[in-house]
Amino acid sequence: MEEKFDVIIVGGGIAGLSAAMTLARGNAKILLIERGTFCGAKNVSGGVLWGNDLAKLVPEYWNEEGGFERFVNHRRLTFMDEQSAFSVDFKSSHFDDVPYTGVTVLRAIFDEWLAGKVQLAIEASAYPDESFLATDILVDEVLSENGKIVGIRAGEERFFADSVILAEGVNNLLTRQIGLEKEYVPVDHMAIGIKEVLRLDKAKLEDRFQLRGRSGLTNEFVGFCSDGVEGGGFLYTNRDSISLGLVLGLKDLKQSGKTPYDILNTFKAHPSVADMIYGSETVEYSAHAVSTGDIRSLPSELYADGVLIAGEAAHLLLNAGKAIQGMDFAMRSGILAGETVLEAKKANDFSSEMLKNYRLALENSYVLKDMRTFQDAVHLLHQPEMFGPIPNMICDFGRQFFSISGEPTPKASKMMHAAIKRNASYWDLVKLGIKGARAL
């Protein structure tokens, strides 16, 4: 008789590892399969992990050297035109309190560290010799019998379980295979994230960005950074490097005829960015498909008999203008998937009727509540005005307001009127303002 697990988890990213940690602590027999040579090996993303779920998984993680890069206590939003940058800057000591509300991570480092914590949880569980983190394995097929998912096939090997959690990432081929996402996601619901990691001497980095200890800065960019293509930019400080990149709408990028790396080079050459990265060395370049946060891109359902979908595989992401939230959604969904399987194990019922509790838990969490609440904001950010006329107008006003020319200075209201006249119209601003008020 073949060995059977309580649950098989496909994917060793944040969602899969969070589910595995939850399940191991609940004394479930688990098999986590990751196609990379180690958890994080295939993950080229990185950025900010928001929220406090990490503290629930790894209590007092902030006292450890490994894992995260810096905690975020400085937030900045920058509007750009071709020559100028106008920033809204916020820094507060309340961000210094633990557990931190946001930490920057490099996923190849963070995921491997979290996998180590999962291994410790397995060793402390009721099945230390029967639960496994298996890497360098590609899952080819999800197995089903009589309409119920019963395991997976990897090459010639078959592994069976009462339930399967698919945390395979945004290229969710297995989710499509079992019919929960029957069609390809529309191209205007998808984007490409491109990123460079630029090494910079730690002392220089801390002086340049006014950092102390492990404090860090996040900077989002709107306007010229995307060179007329729908999207925006970001800069995050790591311990001794900078993560710099763009998220660009795939449909608009294709229609523009521009290449992502050319747009990234233009972004890096902007005066404000060039000053921030001066003297750094590019040590990594990566690109990654991402969802735009449009809730219409979610699979038809997030569960079926014997299976749950978590993290990026379920297109759980939100960018409503305040922050890009994806890793925290992955972590929360992984925890909720693990908790649902533990309930199913206790009841010895892995039917869709039982596993629908996962969907209910997501609906009652901030994940789907925020995705529903801020859908208008997601759509607003993709309006052409947001990556052209509005940033141009703000920078135009800034050049007037902060310039001292030795000539009579007009009132700020006249400066703003002139900036609007050159870049937009009052009617456009009124319509956008109404949309913004409703969205936020």
Protein backbone atom coordinates (compact mmCIF):
# COMPACT_ATOMS: atom_id res chain seq x y z
CA MET A 1 0.00 0.00 0.00
CA GLU A 2 1.38 3.38 -1.01
CA GLU A 3 2.16 5.91 1.72
CA LYS A 4 -0.46 8.61 2.01
CA PHE A 5 -0.06 12.14 3.37
CA ASP A 6 -2.66 14.31 5.03
CA VAL A 7 -1.81 17.06 2.56
CA ILE A 8 0.53 17.71 -0.34
CA ILE A 9 1.56 21.33 -0.92
CA VAL A 10 2.75 22.30 -4.39
CA GLY A 11 5.06 25.31 -4.23
CA GLY A 12 7.67 26.43 -1.70
CA GLY A 13 6.97 30.14 -1.85
CA ILE A 14 5.43 32.20 0.93
CA ALA A 15 1.92 30.75 0.53
CA GLY A 16 3.11 27.14 0.47
CA LEU A 17 5.54 27.57 3.36
CA SER A 18 2.94 29.37 5.49
CA ALA A 19 0.50 26.52 4.91
CA ALA A 20 3.22 23.97 5.71
CA MET A 21 4.16 25.75 8.97
CA THR A 22 0.50 25.84 10.05
CA LEU A 23 -0.04 22.19 9.19
CA ALA A 24 3.17 20.95 10.83
CA ARG A 25 2.25 22.72 14.04
CA GLY A 26 -1.16 21.07 13.81
CA ASN A 27 0.53 17.64 13.62
CA ALA A 28 -0.45 16.90 10.04
CA LYS A 29 1.64 14.59 7.84
CA ILE A 30 2.76 16.84 4.98
CA LEU A 31 4.72 16.75 1.75
CA LEU A 32 5.78 20.09 0.29
CA ILE A 33 7.15 19.94 -3.25
CA GLU A 34 9.24 22.78 -4.71
CA ARG A 35 10.63 22.73 -8.24
CA GLY A 36 13.68 24.86 -7.33
CA THR A 37 16.86 23.41 -5.86
CA PHE A 38 15.84 25.17 -2.63
CA CYS A 39 12.82 27.20 -1.55
CA GLY A 40 13.33 30.62 -3.11
CA ALA A 41 15.68 29.45 -5.85
CA LYS A 42 13.08 30.08 -8.57
CA ASN A 43 11.58 33.19 -6.99
CA VAL A 44 12.91 36.38 -8.54
CA SER A 45 10.56 38.75 -6.79
CA GLY A 46 11.11 40.69 -3.59
CA GLY A 47 9.86 43.83 -1.97
CA VAL A 48 7.88 44.52 1.18
CA LEU A 49 6.09 41.95 3.31
CA TRP A 50 3.35 43.89 5.08
CA GLY A 51 1.27 43.01 8.13
CA ASN A 52 1.88 40.95 11.25
CA ASP A 53 1.35 37.35 10.07
CA LEU A 54 5.10 36.75 10.01
CA ALA A 55 5.19 37.35 13.77
CA LYS A 56 2.51 34.66 14.18
CA LEU A 57 4.55 32.16 12.17
CA VAL A 58 7.95 33.11 13.63
CA PRO A 59 7.51 34.84 16.99
CA GLU A 60 10.14 37.53 17.64
CA TYR A 61 11.64 37.12 14.17
CA TRP A 62 13.01 40.65 14.57
CA ASN A 63 15.61 39.36 17.04
CA GLU A 64 17.16 37.15 14.36
CA GLU A 65 19.85 38.10 11.90
CA GLY A 66 18.37 36.10 9.03
CA GLY A 67 15.18 36.44 7.07
CA PHE A 68 14.23 40.04 6.41
CA GLU A 69 16.45 42.86 5.18
CA ARG A 70 15.13 46.02 6.87
CA PHE A 71 11.95 47.16 8.61
CA VAL A 72 10.08 50.01 6.93
CA ASN A 73 9.81 53.23 8.91
CA HIS A 74 9.99 55.68 6.01
CA ARG A 75 7.37 55.83 3.22
CA ARG A 76 7.61 58.02 0.12
CA LEU A 77 5.39 58.53 -2.94
CA THR A 78 6.97 60.38 -5.86
CA PHE A 79 5.30 61.98 -8.89
CA MET A 80 7.65 62.36 -11.86
CA ASP A 81 7.82 64.16 -15.16
CA GLU A 82 10.83 64.12 -17.48
CA GLN A 83 12.98 66.47 -15.38
CA SER A 84 11.38 66.77 -11.95
CA ALA A 85 10.15 64.76 -8.98
CA PHE A 86 7.60 65.87 -6.37
CA SER A 87 7.41 63.60 -3.31
CA VAL A 88 5.00 63.04 -0.47
CA ASP A 89 7.20 61.89 2.40
CA PHE A 90 6.19 60.26 5.69
CA LYS A 91 8.38 59.00 8.52
CA SER A 92 7.20 58.08 12.00
CA SER A 93 8.69 56.48 15.10
CA HIS A 94 5.54 54.38 15.49
CA PHE A 95 6.90 52.24 12.63
CA ASP A 96 9.77 51.27 14.97
CA ASP A 97 7.48 49.23 17.23
CA VAL A 98 7.53 45.44 16.95
CA PRO A 99 6.08 43.45 15.36
CA TYR A 100 6.95 45.63 12.38
CA THR A 101 4.18 46.60 9.98
CA GLY A 102 6.44 46.05 6.99
CA VAL A 103 9.82 44.47 6.24
CA THR A 104 11.81 44.42 3.01
CA VAL A 105 12.84 40.97 1.80
CA LEU A 106 14.87 39.36 -0.94
CA ARG A 107 12.87 36.24 -1.70
CA ALA A 108 15.74 33.87 -2.45
CA ILE A 109 17.04 34.60 1.05
CA PHE A 110 13.73 34.96 2.86
CA ASP A 111 12.04 31.83 1.45
CA GLU A 112 15.04 29.64 2.29
CA TRP A 113 15.07 31.05 5.83
CA LEU A 114 11.32 30.44 6.24
CA ALA A 115 11.76 26.90 4.88
CA GLY A 116 14.27 26.32 7.67
CA LYS A 117 11.64 27.36 10.21
CA VAL A 118 9.17 24.95 8.60
CA GLN A 119 11.71 22.14 8.89
CA LEU A 120 12.06 22.88 12.61
CA ALA A 121 8.26 22.75 12.97
CA ILE A 122 8.22 19.38 11.19
CA GLU A 123 10.90 18.02 13.53
CA ALA A 124 8.82 19.12 16.52
CA SER A 125 5.62 17.61 15.09
CA ALA A 126 4.07 14.16 15.49
CA TYR A 127 5.54 13.13 12.09
CA PRO A 128 9.20 14.24 12.07
CA ASP A 129 10.26 11.27 9.91
CA GLU A 130 7.17 11.11 7.70
CA SER A 131 6.78 14.74 6.63
CA PHE A 132 9.09 16.20 4.00
CA LEU A 133 10.19 19.35 2.18
CA ALA A 134 11.13 17.95 -1.23
CA THR A 135 12.99 20.29 -3.61
CA ASP A 136 14.12 20.08 -7.24
CA ILE A 137 10.92 18.25 -8.22
CA LEU A 138 8.50 19.35 -10.93
CA VAL A 139 4.85 18.37 -10.50
CA ASP A 140 3.47 17.30 -13.86
CA GLU A 141 -0.10 16.43 -12.97
CA VAL A 142 -2.74 16.62 -10.27
CA LEU A 143 -4.37 13.22 -9.78
CA SER A 144 -8.10 12.77 -9.35
CA GLU A 145 -10.48 9.86 -8.74
CA ASN A 146 -14.24 10.12 -9.14
CA GLY A 147 -14.02 13.90 -9.29
CA LYS A 148 -11.90 14.28 -6.15
CA ILE A 149 -8.25 15.36 -6.07
CA VAL A 150 -6.20 12.57 -4.48
CA GLY A 151 -2.56 13.47 -5.12
CA ILE A 152 0.05 14.48 -7.68
CA ARG A 153 2.38 12.94 -10.25
CA ALA A 154 6.00 14.03 -10.63
CA GLY A 155 7.65 12.20 -13.50
CA GLU A 156 6.89 8.52 -12.94
CA GLU A 157 6.31 8.95 -9.21
CA ARG A 158 2.83 9.31 -7.72
CA PHE A 159 2.14 10.72 -4.28
CA PHE A 160 -1.25 10.54 -2.58
CA ALA A 161 -2.96 12.67 0.06
CA ASP A 162 -6.35 13.48 1.52
CA SER A 163 -5.94 17.03 0.20
CA VAL A 164 -3.71 19.14 -2.03
CA ILE A 165 -2.87 22.83 -1.67
CA LEU A 166 -1.80 24.45 -4.93
CA ALA A 167 0.55 27.35 -4.19
CA GLU A 168 2.28 27.14 -7.56
CA GLY A 169 2.52 30.86 -8.33
CA VAL A 170 1.03 33.09 -10.98
CA ASN A 171 1.77 30.65 -13.84
CA ASN A 172 -0.89 28.36 -12.42
CA LEU A 173 -0.84 25.49 -14.91
CA LEU A 174 -2.09 22.93 -12.38
CA THR A 175 -4.98 25.18 -11.36
CA ARG A 176 -5.94 25.32 -15.03
CA GLN A 177 -5.50 21.58 -15.40
CA ILE A 178 -8.12 20.81 -12.75
CA GLY A 179 -10.55 23.29 -14.32
CA LEU A 180 -10.71 26.01 -11.65
CA GLU A 181 -9.34 28.52 -14.15
CA LYS A 182 -10.67 27.47 -17.52
CA GLU A 183 -9.46 30.38 -19.61
CA TYR A 184 -6.32 32.45 -19.75
CA VAL A 185 -6.43 35.61 -17.66
CA PRO A 186 -7.17 38.64 -19.90
CA VAL A 187 -3.97 40.46 -20.78
CA ASP A 188 -5.22 43.73 -19.26
CA HIS A 189 -5.47 41.93 -15.89
CA MET A 190 -1.77 41.05 -15.98
CA ALA A 191 1.47 43.01 -15.69
CA ILE A 192 5.18 42.38 -15.80
CA GLY A 193 7.39 43.27 -12.88
CA ILE A 194 11.03 43.98 -13.72
CA LYS A 195 13.63 44.55 -11.04
CA GLU A 196 17.33 45.16 -10.55
CA VAL A 197 19.16 44.57 -7.29
CA LEU A 198 21.94 47.15 -7.03
CA ARG A 199 24.68 46.58 -4.48
CA LEU A 200 25.75 49.64 -2.49
CA ASP A 201 28.14 49.91 0.42
CA LYS A 202 26.07 49.59 3.60
CA ALA A 203 27.42 52.76 5.19
CA LYS A 204 26.79 54.76 2.00
CA LEU A 205 23.28 53.33 1.70
CA GLU A 206 22.40 54.27 5.27
CA ASP A 207 23.83 57.78 4.91
CA ARG A 208 22.14 58.36 1.56
CA PHE A 209 18.68 57.28 2.74
CA GLN A 210 19.02 58.50 6.35
CA LEU A 211 18.70 55.02 7.84
CA ARG A 212 19.71 53.84 11.30
CA GLY A 213 20.21 50.25 12.38
CA ARG A 214 17.85 48.06 10.34
CA SER A 215 15.38 50.82 9.44
CA GLY A 216 14.47 51.14 5.78
CA LEU A 217 12.73 53.20 3.10
CA THR A 218 10.10 52.34 0.49
CA ASN A 219 9.57 54.70 -2.43
CA GLU A 220 6.80 54.30 -5.02
CA PHE A 221 6.91 56.31 -8.27
CA VAL A 222 4.13 57.49 -10.60
CA GLY A 223 4.46 59.23 -13.96
CA PHE A 224 7.55 59.45 -16.19
CA CYS A 225 9.08 56.37 -14.51
CA SER A 226 6.99 54.17 -16.82
CA ASP A 227 7.75 56.26 -19.92
CA GLY A 228 4.11 56.66 -20.93
CA VAL A 229 3.21 53.02 -20.35
CA GLU A 230 0.59 52.07 -17.80
CA GLY A 231 2.41 51.29 -14.57
CA GLY A 232 4.66 52.62 -11.85
CA GLY A 233 8.02 52.23 -10.19
CA PHE A 234 9.45 51.25 -6.83
CA LEU A 235 12.63 51.46 -4.77
CA TYR A 236 13.21 49.47 -1.58
CA THR A 237 16.28 49.51 0.63
CA ASN A 238 17.85 46.21 1.65
CA ARG A 239 20.78 45.71 4.03
CA ASP A 240 23.51 46.48 1.50
CA SER A 241 21.56 46.81 -1.73
CA ILE A 242 18.63 48.55 -3.41
CA SER A 243 15.72 46.86 -5.15
CA LEU A 244 14.67 49.10 -8.03
CA GLY A 245 12.06 48.29 -10.64
CA LEU A 246 8.80 48.78 -12.46
CA VAL A 247 5.42 47.12 -12.78
CA LEU A 248 4.08 47.60 -16.33
CA GLY A 249 0.69 46.65 -17.78
CA LEU A 250 1.23 43.90 -20.35
CA LYS A 251 -1.41 45.11 -22.78
CA ASP A 252 -0.19 48.71 -22.79
CA LEU A 253 3.44 47.61 -22.94
CA LYS A 254 2.78 45.51 -26.03
CA GLN A 255 0.91 48.33 -27.75
CA SER A 256 3.70 50.81 -26.97
CA GLY A 257 6.34 48.77 -28.81
CA LYS A 258 8.82 49.52 -26.00
CA THR A 259 10.90 46.97 -24.15
CA PRO A 260 10.84 46.66 -20.35
CA TYR A 261 14.61 47.05 -19.98
CA ASP A 262 14.63 50.24 -22.10
CA ILE A 263 11.92 51.73 -19.88
CA LEU A 264 13.87 50.64 -16.78
CA ASN A 265 17.05 52.29 -18.12
CA THR A 266 15.10 55.51 -18.75
CA PHE A 267 13.78 55.33 -15.19
CA LYS A 268 17.29 54.83 -13.80
CA ALA A 269 18.57 57.84 -15.75
CA HIS A 270 15.98 60.22 -14.28
CA PRO A 271 17.80 62.86 -12.17
CA SER A 272 16.10 61.94 -8.91
CA VAL A 273 16.71 58.18 -9.33
CA ALA A 274 20.23 58.58 -10.69
CA ASP A 275 21.20 60.43 -7.51
CA MET A 276 19.78 57.65 -5.33
CA ILE A 277 21.58 54.80 -7.10
CA TYR A 278 24.85 56.63 -7.87
CA GLY A 279 27.88 54.42 -7.27
CA SER A 280 25.88 51.20 -7.04
CA GLU A 281 26.53 48.00 -8.99
CA THR A 282 23.82 45.89 -10.63
CA VAL A 283 24.11 42.34 -9.31
CA GLU A 284 20.74 40.91 -10.38
CA TYR A 285 18.16 41.51 -13.11
CA SER A 286 14.84 39.69 -13.14
CA ALA A 287 11.34 39.79 -14.61
CA HIS A 288 8.16 38.23 -13.30
CA ALA A 289 4.53 38.11 -14.42
CA VAL A 290 2.14 39.55 -11.80
CA SER A 291 -1.57 40.16 -11.47
CA THR A 292 -2.83 43.72 -11.48
CA GLY A 293 -5.16 43.11 -8.55
CA ASP A 294 -8.33 43.05 -10.63
CA ILE A 295 -10.62 40.73 -8.70
CA ARG A 296 -12.09 39.45 -11.99
CA SER A 297 -8.83 37.54 -12.53
CA LEU A 298 -9.48 35.21 -9.56
CA PRO A 299 -10.08 31.57 -10.52
CA SER A 300 -13.72 30.50 -10.83
CA GLU A 301 -13.37 29.06 -7.32
CA LEU A 302 -10.57 28.66 -4.79
CA TYR A 303 -11.48 25.13 -3.72
CA ALA A 304 -12.92 21.84 -4.95
CA ASP A 305 -13.11 18.29 -3.62
CA GLY A 306 -9.70 17.68 -2.06
CA VAL A 307 -7.96 20.84 -3.25
CA LEU A 308 -7.35 24.50 -2.28
CA ILE A 309 -5.68 27.34 -4.22
CA ALA A 310 -3.48 29.85 -2.35
CA GLY A 311 -1.28 32.88 -3.00
CA GLU A 312 -0.37 34.03 -6.49
CA ALA A 313 -1.98 30.94 -8.02
CA ALA A 314 -5.28 32.52 -6.93
CA HIS A 315 -4.21 36.00 -8.18
CA LEU A 316 -4.43 37.42 -4.67
CA LEU A 317 -2.83 40.85 -4.99
CA LEU A 318 -3.78 44.47 -4.42
CA ASN A 319 -2.25 47.75 -5.52
CA ALA A 320 -4.63 50.52 -4.49
CA GLY A 321 -1.97 53.25 -4.52
CA LYS A 322 -0.83 52.91 -0.91
CA ALA A 323 1.34 49.82 -1.35
CA ILE A 324 1.73 46.71 -3.47
CA GLN A 325 0.30 43.89 -1.38
CA GLY A 326 0.97 40.37 -2.55
CA MET A 327 3.31 38.60 -0.17
CA ASP A 328 1.11 39.36 2.84
CA PHE A 329 -1.92 38.05 0.92
CA ALA A 330 0.05 34.90 0.10
CA MET A 331 1.02 34.39 3.73
CA ARG A 332 -2.51 34.91 5.06
CA SER A 333 -4.05 32.66 2.39
CA GLY A 334 -1.48 29.95 3.15
CA ILE A 335 -2.27 30.11 6.86
CA LEU A 336 -6.01 29.95 6.19
CA ALA A 337 -5.58 27.04 3.78
CA GLY A 338 -3.58 25.17 6.41
CA GLU A 339 -6.16 25.86 9.11
CA THR A 340 -8.96 24.67 6.82
CA VAL A 341 -7.17 21.38 6.11
CA LEU A 342 -6.65 20.83 9.85
CA GLU A 343 -10.40 21.27 10.37
CA ALA A 344 -11.08 18.84 7.52
CA LYS A 345 -8.61 16.32 9.00
CA LYS A 346 -10.34 16.52 12.37
CA ALA A 347 -13.71 15.87 10.71
CA ASN A 348 -12.22 13.34 8.24
CA ASP A 349 -14.04 15.25 5.52
CA PHE A 350 -12.10 16.72 2.59
CA SER A 351 -15.10 17.39 0.37
CA SER A 352 -15.75 20.74 -1.27
CA GLU A 353 -18.55 21.26 1.23
CA MET A 354 -15.96 21.24 4.03
CA LEU A 355 -13.18 23.01 2.11
CA LYS A 356 -15.46 25.92 1.20
CA ASN A 357 -14.64 27.14 4.71
CA TYR A 358 -11.36 28.30 3.19
CA ARG A 359 -13.22 30.64 0.85
CA LEU A 360 -15.37 31.86 3.73
CA ALA A 361 -12.27 32.51 5.83
CA LEU A 362 -10.69 34.49 2.98
CA GLU A 363 -13.90 36.50 2.52
CA ASN A 364 -13.86 37.35 6.24
CA SER A 365 -10.17 38.28 6.19
CA TYR A 366 -8.62 41.54 5.04
CA VAL A 367 -7.49 39.80 1.82
CA LEU A 368 -10.77 39.60 -0.09
CA LYS A 369 -12.40 42.39 1.92
CA ASP A 370 -9.73 44.83 0.78
CA MET A 371 -9.70 43.49 -2.77
CA ARG A 372 -13.44 44.15 -2.99
CA THR A 373 -13.37 47.49 -1.16
CA PHE A 374 -10.59 48.99 -3.28
CA GLN A 375 -11.39 47.67 -6.75
CA ASP A 376 -12.29 51.17 -7.91
CA ALA A 377 -8.87 52.35 -6.73
CA VAL A 378 -7.19 49.54 -8.70
CA HIS A 379 -9.02 50.65 -11.84
CA LEU A 380 -8.30 54.33 -11.13
CA LEU A 381 -4.56 53.71 -11.03
CA HIS A 382 -4.74 52.30 -14.55
CA GLN A 383 -6.36 55.43 -16.00
CA PRO A 384 -4.06 57.18 -18.53
CA GLU A 385 -4.25 60.42 -16.51
CA MET A 386 -2.45 58.73 -13.59
CA PHE A 387 0.78 58.02 -15.47
CA GLY A 388 0.85 61.20 -17.59
CA PRO A 389 -1.16 64.41 -17.04
CA ILE A 390 -1.51 64.23 -13.24
CA PRO A 391 2.20 63.68 -12.39
CA ASN A 392 3.14 66.25 -15.05
CA MET A 393 0.78 68.80 -13.51
CA ILE A 394 2.10 68.20 -9.99
CA CYS A 395 5.72 68.57 -11.10
CA ASP A 396 4.85 71.67 -13.14
CA PHE A 397 3.35 73.26 -10.03
CA GLY A 398 6.41 72.22 -7.99
CA ARG A 399 8.83 73.90 -10.39
CA GLN A 400 6.90 77.15 -10.09
CA PHE A 401 6.34 77.00 -6.34
CA PHE A 402 9.91 76.15 -5.35
CA SER A 403 11.70 78.44 -7.86
CA ILE A 404 12.95 81.88 -6.75
CA SER A 405 13.63 83.97 -9.84
CA GLY A 406 14.05 87.51 -8.56
CA GLU A 407 10.79 88.44 -10.28
CA PRO A 408 7.36 89.13 -8.70
CA THR A 409 5.98 85.82 -7.42
CA PRO A 410 2.38 84.88 -8.25
CA LYS A 411 0.07 83.33 -5.69
CA ALA A 412 0.12 79.54 -5.41
CA SER A 413 -3.44 79.41 -6.78
CA LYS A 414 -2.28 81.10 -10.00
CA MET A 415 0.61 78.67 -10.25
CA MET A 416 -1.75 75.74 -9.90
CA HIS A 417 -4.14 77.21 -12.48
CA ALA A 418 -1.25 77.57 -14.94
CA ALA A 419 -0.08 74.01 -14.27
CA ILE A 420 -3.57 72.62 -14.84
CA LYS A 421 -3.99 74.61 -18.02
CA ARG A 422 -0.72 73.29 -19.44
CA ASN A 423 -1.26 69.64 -18.52
CA ALA A 424 -4.94 68.81 -18.02
CA SER A 425 -8.33 70.45 -17.60
CA TYR A 426 -10.46 71.33 -14.61
CA TRP A 427 -13.20 69.04 -15.89
CA ASP A 428 -10.79 66.10 -16.10
CA LEU A 429 -9.61 66.82 -12.56
CA VAL A 430 -13.16 67.04 -11.24
CA LYS A 431 -14.05 63.69 -12.80
CA LEU A 432 -10.84 62.12 -11.48
CA GLY A 433 -11.40 63.65 -8.05
CA ILE A 434 -14.89 62.18 -7.84
CA LYS A 435 -13.55 58.77 -8.87
CA GLY A 436 -10.76 59.06 -6.32
CA ALA A 437 -13.11 60.02 -3.49
CA ARG A 438 -15.32 57.06 -4.26
CA ALA A 439 -12.39 54.69 -4.68
CA LEU A 440 -10.52 55.50 -1.47
